[in-house]
PDB file of N, CA and C in Angstrom:
ATOM      1  N   MET A   1      18.107   0.263  24.959  1.00  0.00           N
ATOM      2  CA  MET A   1      17.124   0.899  24.105  1.00  0.00           C
ATOM      3  C   MET A   1      17.010   0.164  22.769  1.00  0.00           C
ATOM      4  N   GLY A   2      18.040  -0.565  22.380  1.00  0.00           N
ATOM      5  CA  GLY A   2      18.039  -1.219  21.080  1.00  0.00           C
ATOM      6  C   GLY A   2      16.952  -2.265  20.929  1.00  0.00           C
ATOM      7  N   ILE A   3      16.655  -3.019  21.981  1.00  0.00           N
ATOM      8  CA  ILE A   3      15.644  -4.076  21.887  1.00  0.00           C
ATOM      9  C   ILE A   3      14.263  -3.472  21.679  1.00  0.00           C
ATOM     10  N   PHE A   4      13.928  -2.466  22.457  1.00  0.00           N
ATOM     11  CA  PHE A   4      12.613  -1.839  22.322  1.00  0.00           C
ATOM     12  C   PHE A   4      12.502  -1.087  21.006  1.00  0.00           C
ATOM     13  N   ASP A   5      13.634  -0.519  20.560  1.00  0.00           N
ATOM     14  CA  ASP A   5      13.647   0.198  19.294  1.00  0.00           C
ATOM     15  C   ASP A   5      13.307  -0.758  18.155  1.00  0.00           C
ATOM     16  N   ASN A   6      13.934  -1.928  18.133  1.00  0.00           N
ATOM     17  CA  ASN A   6      13.655  -2.906  17.088  1.00  0.00           C
ATOM     18  C   ASN A   6      12.216  -3.396  17.170  1.00  0.00           C
ATOM     19  N   TYR A   7      11.714  -3.574  18.377  1.00  0.00           N
ATOM     20  CA  TYR A   7      10.334  -4.028  18.548  1.00  0.00           C
ATOM     21  C   TYR A   7       9.356  -3.000  18.005  1.00  0.00           C
ATOM     22  N   SER A   8       9.590  -1.730  18.302  1.00  0.00           N
ATOM     23  CA  SER A   8       8.655  -0.701  17.836  1.00  0.00           C
ATOM     24  C   SER A   8       8.694  -0.571  16.316  1.00  0.00           C
ATOM     25  N   VAL A   9       9.864  -0.737  15.730  1.00  0.00           N
ATOM     26  CA  VAL A   9       9.974  -0.671  14.266  1.00  0.00           C
ATOM     27  C   VAL A   9       9.224  -1.838  13.637  1.00  0.00           C
ATOM     28  N   LYS A  10       9.415  -3.040  14.163  1.00  0.00           N
ATOM     29  CA  LYS A  10       8.722  -4.213  13.618  1.00  0.00           C
ATOM     30  C   LYS A  10       7.215  -4.096  13.792  1.00  0.00           C
ATOM     31  N   ARG A  11       6.782  -3.591  14.944  1.00  0.00           N
ATOM     32  CA  ARG A  11       5.349  -3.426  15.182  1.00  0.00           C
ATOM     33  C   ARG A  11       4.755  -2.416  14.206  1.00  0.00           C
ATOM     34  N   GLN A  12       5.477  -1.334  13.945  1.00  0.00           N
ATOM     35  CA  GLN A  12       4.992  -0.322  13.009  1.00  0.00           C
ATOM     36  C   GLN A  12       4.905  -0.887  11.594  1.00  0.00           C
ATOM     37  N   ILE A  13       5.873  -1.697  11.195  1.00  0.00           N
ATOM     38  CA  ILE A  13       5.855  -2.306   9.859  1.00  0.00           C
ATOM     39  C   ILE A  13       4.668  -3.250   9.728  1.00  0.00           C
ATOM     40  N   ILE A  14       4.420  -4.046  10.763  1.00  0.00           N
ATOM     41  CA  ILE A  14       3.293  -4.979  10.727  1.00  0.00           C
ATOM     42  C   ILE A  14       1.968  -4.223  10.676  1.00  0.00           C
ATOM     43  N   ASN A  15       1.868  -3.133  11.421  1.00  0.00           N
ATOM     44  CA  ASN A  15       0.628  -2.358  11.437  1.00  0.00           C
ATOM     45  C   ASN A  15       0.408  -1.594  10.139  1.00  0.00           C
ATOM     46  N   SER A  16       1.473  -1.149   9.488  1.00  0.00           N
ATOM     47  CA  SER A  16       1.307  -0.357   8.273  1.00  0.00           C
ATOM     48  C   SER A  16       1.231  -1.222   7.017  1.00  0.00           C
ATOM     49  N   GLY A  17       1.528  -2.501   7.111  1.00  0.00           N
ATOM     50  CA  GLY A  17       1.489  -3.385   5.941  1.00  0.00           C
ATOM     51  C   GLY A  17       0.142  -3.425   5.244  1.00  0.00           C
ATOM     52  N   PRO A  18      -0.955  -3.661   5.955  1.00  0.00           N
ATOM     53  CA  PRO A  18      -2.263  -3.679   5.294  1.00  0.00           C
ATOM     54  C   PRO A  18      -2.644  -2.336   4.675  1.00  0.00           C
ATOM     55  N   VAL A  19      -2.246  -1.251   5.297  1.00  0.00           N
ATOM     56  CA  VAL A  19      -2.554   0.076   4.749  1.00  0.00           C
ATOM     57  C   VAL A  19      -1.817   0.278   3.434  1.00  0.00           C
ATOM     58  N   ILE A  20      -0.553  -0.094   3.402  1.00  0.00           N
ATOM     59  CA  ILE A  20       0.239   0.046   2.178  1.00  0.00           C
ATOM     60  C   ILE A  20      -0.325  -0.841   1.078  1.00  0.00           C
ATOM     61  N   ALA A  21      -0.712  -2.067   1.415  1.00  0.00           N
ATOM     62  CA  ALA A  21      -1.275  -2.982   0.418  1.00  0.00           C
ATOM     63  C   ALA A  21      -2.573  -2.434  -0.156  1.00  0.00           C
ATOM     64  N   SER A  22      -3.435  -1.881   0.681  1.00  0.00           N
ATOM     65  CA  SER A  22      -4.701  -1.344   0.177  1.00  0.00           C
ATOM     66  C   SER A  22      -4.460  -0.119  -0.693  1.00  0.00           C
ATOM     67  N   GLN A  23      -3.479   0.708  -0.358  1.00  0.00           N
ATOM     68  CA  GLN A  23      -3.168   1.872  -1.185  1.00  0.00           C
ATOM     69  C   GLN A  23      -2.631   1.441  -2.549  1.00  0.00           C
ATOM     70  N   LEU A  24      -1.819   0.393  -2.587  1.00  0.00           N
ATOM     71  CA  LEU A  24      -1.326  -0.109  -3.866  1.00  0.00           C
ATOM     72  C   LEU A  24      -2.466  -0.638  -4.724  1.00  0.00           C
ATOM     73  N   LEU A  25      -3.433  -1.312  -4.108  1.00  0.00           N
ATOM     74  CA  LEU A  25      -4.581  -1.807  -4.859  1.00  0.00           C
ATOM     75  C   LEU A  25      -5.416  -0.653  -5.404  1.00  0.00           C
ATOM     76  N   LEU A  26      -5.565   0.414  -4.629  1.00  0.00           N
ATOM     77  CA  LEU A  26      -6.311   1.575  -5.105  1.00  0.00           C
ATOM     78  C   LEU A  26      -5.612   2.225  -6.292  1.00  0.00           C
ATOM     79  N   VAL A  27      -4.297   2.345  -6.225  1.00  0.00           N
ATOM     80  CA  VAL A  27      -3.544   2.921  -7.340  1.00  0.00           C
ATOM     81  C   VAL A  27      -3.709   2.052  -8.574  1.00  0.00           C
ATOM     82  N   ASP A  28      -3.680   0.738  -8.403  1.00  0.00           N
ATOM     83  CA  ASP A  28      -3.864  -0.177  -9.523  1.00  0.00           C
ATOM     84  C   ASP A  28      -5.236   0.011 -10.160  1.00  0.00           C
ATOM     85  N   GLU A  29      -6.267   0.182  -9.333  1.00  0.00           N
ATOM     86  CA  GLU A  29      -7.613   0.404  -9.865  1.00  0.00           C
ATOM     87  C   GLU A  29      -7.697   1.710 -10.638  1.00  0.00           C
ATOM     88  N   VAL A  30      -7.063   2.753 -10.146  1.00  0.00           N
ATOM     89  CA  VAL A  30      -7.086   4.048 -10.832  1.00  0.00           C
ATOM     90  C   VAL A  30      -6.390   3.945 -12.179  1.00  0.00           C
ATOM     91  N   ILE A  31      -5.262   3.249 -12.224  1.00  0.00           N
ATOM     92  CA  ILE A  31      -4.539   3.085 -13.491  1.00  0.00           C
ATOM     93  C   ILE A  31      -5.380   2.295 -14.481  1.00  0.00           C
ATOM     94  N   ARG A  32      -6.022   1.221 -14.019  1.00  0.00           N
ATOM     95  CA  ARG A  32      -6.871   0.428 -14.914  1.00  0.00           C
ATOM     96  C   ARG A  32      -8.053   1.242 -15.422  1.00  0.00           C
ATOM     97  N   ALA A  33      -8.648   2.046 -14.562  1.00  0.00           N
ATOM     98  CA  ALA A  33      -9.780   2.872 -14.982  1.00  0.00           C
ATOM     99  C   ALA A  33      -9.336   3.874 -16.040  1.00  0.00           C
ATOM    100  N   GLY A  34      -8.163   4.446 -15.874  1.00  0.00           N
ATOM    101  CA  GLY A  34      -7.643   5.385 -16.865  1.00  0.00           C
ATOM    102  C   GLY A  34      -7.389   4.714 -18.198  1.00  0.00           C
ATOM    103  N   ARG A  35      -6.874   3.504 -18.168  1.00  0.00           N
ATOM    104  CA  ARG A  35      -6.627   2.787 -19.423  1.00  0.00           C
ATOM    105  C   ARG A  35      -7.939   2.425 -20.109  1.00  0.00           C
ATOM    106  N   ASN A  36      -8.946   2.031 -19.331  1.00  0.00           N
ATOM    107  CA  ASN A  36     -10.231   1.664 -19.918  1.00  0.00           C
ATOM    108  C   ASN A  36     -10.935   2.870 -20.522  1.00  0.00           C
ATOM    109  N   MET A  37     -10.725   4.050 -19.961  1.00  0.00           N
ATOM    110  CA  MET A  37     -11.358   5.252 -20.503  1.00  0.00           C
ATOM    111  C   MET A  37     -10.735   5.655 -21.832  1.00  0.00           C
ATOM    112  N   ARG A  38      -9.455   5.331 -22.037  1.00  0.00           N
ATOM    113  CA  ARG A  38      -8.778   5.714 -23.274  1.00  0.00           C
ATOM    114  C   ARG A  38      -9.077   4.769 -24.428  1.00  0.00           C
ATOM    115  N   LYS A  39      -9.557   3.553 -24.132  1.00  0.00           N
ATOM    116  CA  LYS A  39      -9.834   2.589 -25.194  1.00  0.00           C
ATOM    117  C   LYS A  39     -11.024   3.051 -26.027  1.00  0.00           C
ATOM    118  N   PRO A  40     -10.911   2.949 -27.352  1.00  0.00           N
ATOM    119  CA  PRO A  40     -12.070   3.306 -28.192  1.00  0.00           C
ATOM    120  C   PRO A  40     -13.171   2.255 -28.075  1.00  0.00           C
ATOM    121  N   ASN A  41     -14.397   2.691 -28.077  1.00  0.00           N
ATOM    122  CA  ASN A  41     -15.541   1.764 -27.956  1.00  0.00           C
ATOM    123  C   ASN A  41     -15.937   1.180 -29.277  1.00  0.00           C
TER     124      ASN A  41
END
């Protein structure tokens, strides 16, 4: 079971990598938008 277990874990990490990266980019955009709103014009 160990070989298939490692394979499924690696496959899940590879599949979830792009989702995690896009979520981090969205959080970065939200933080930047919040900072830009606080700046005086």
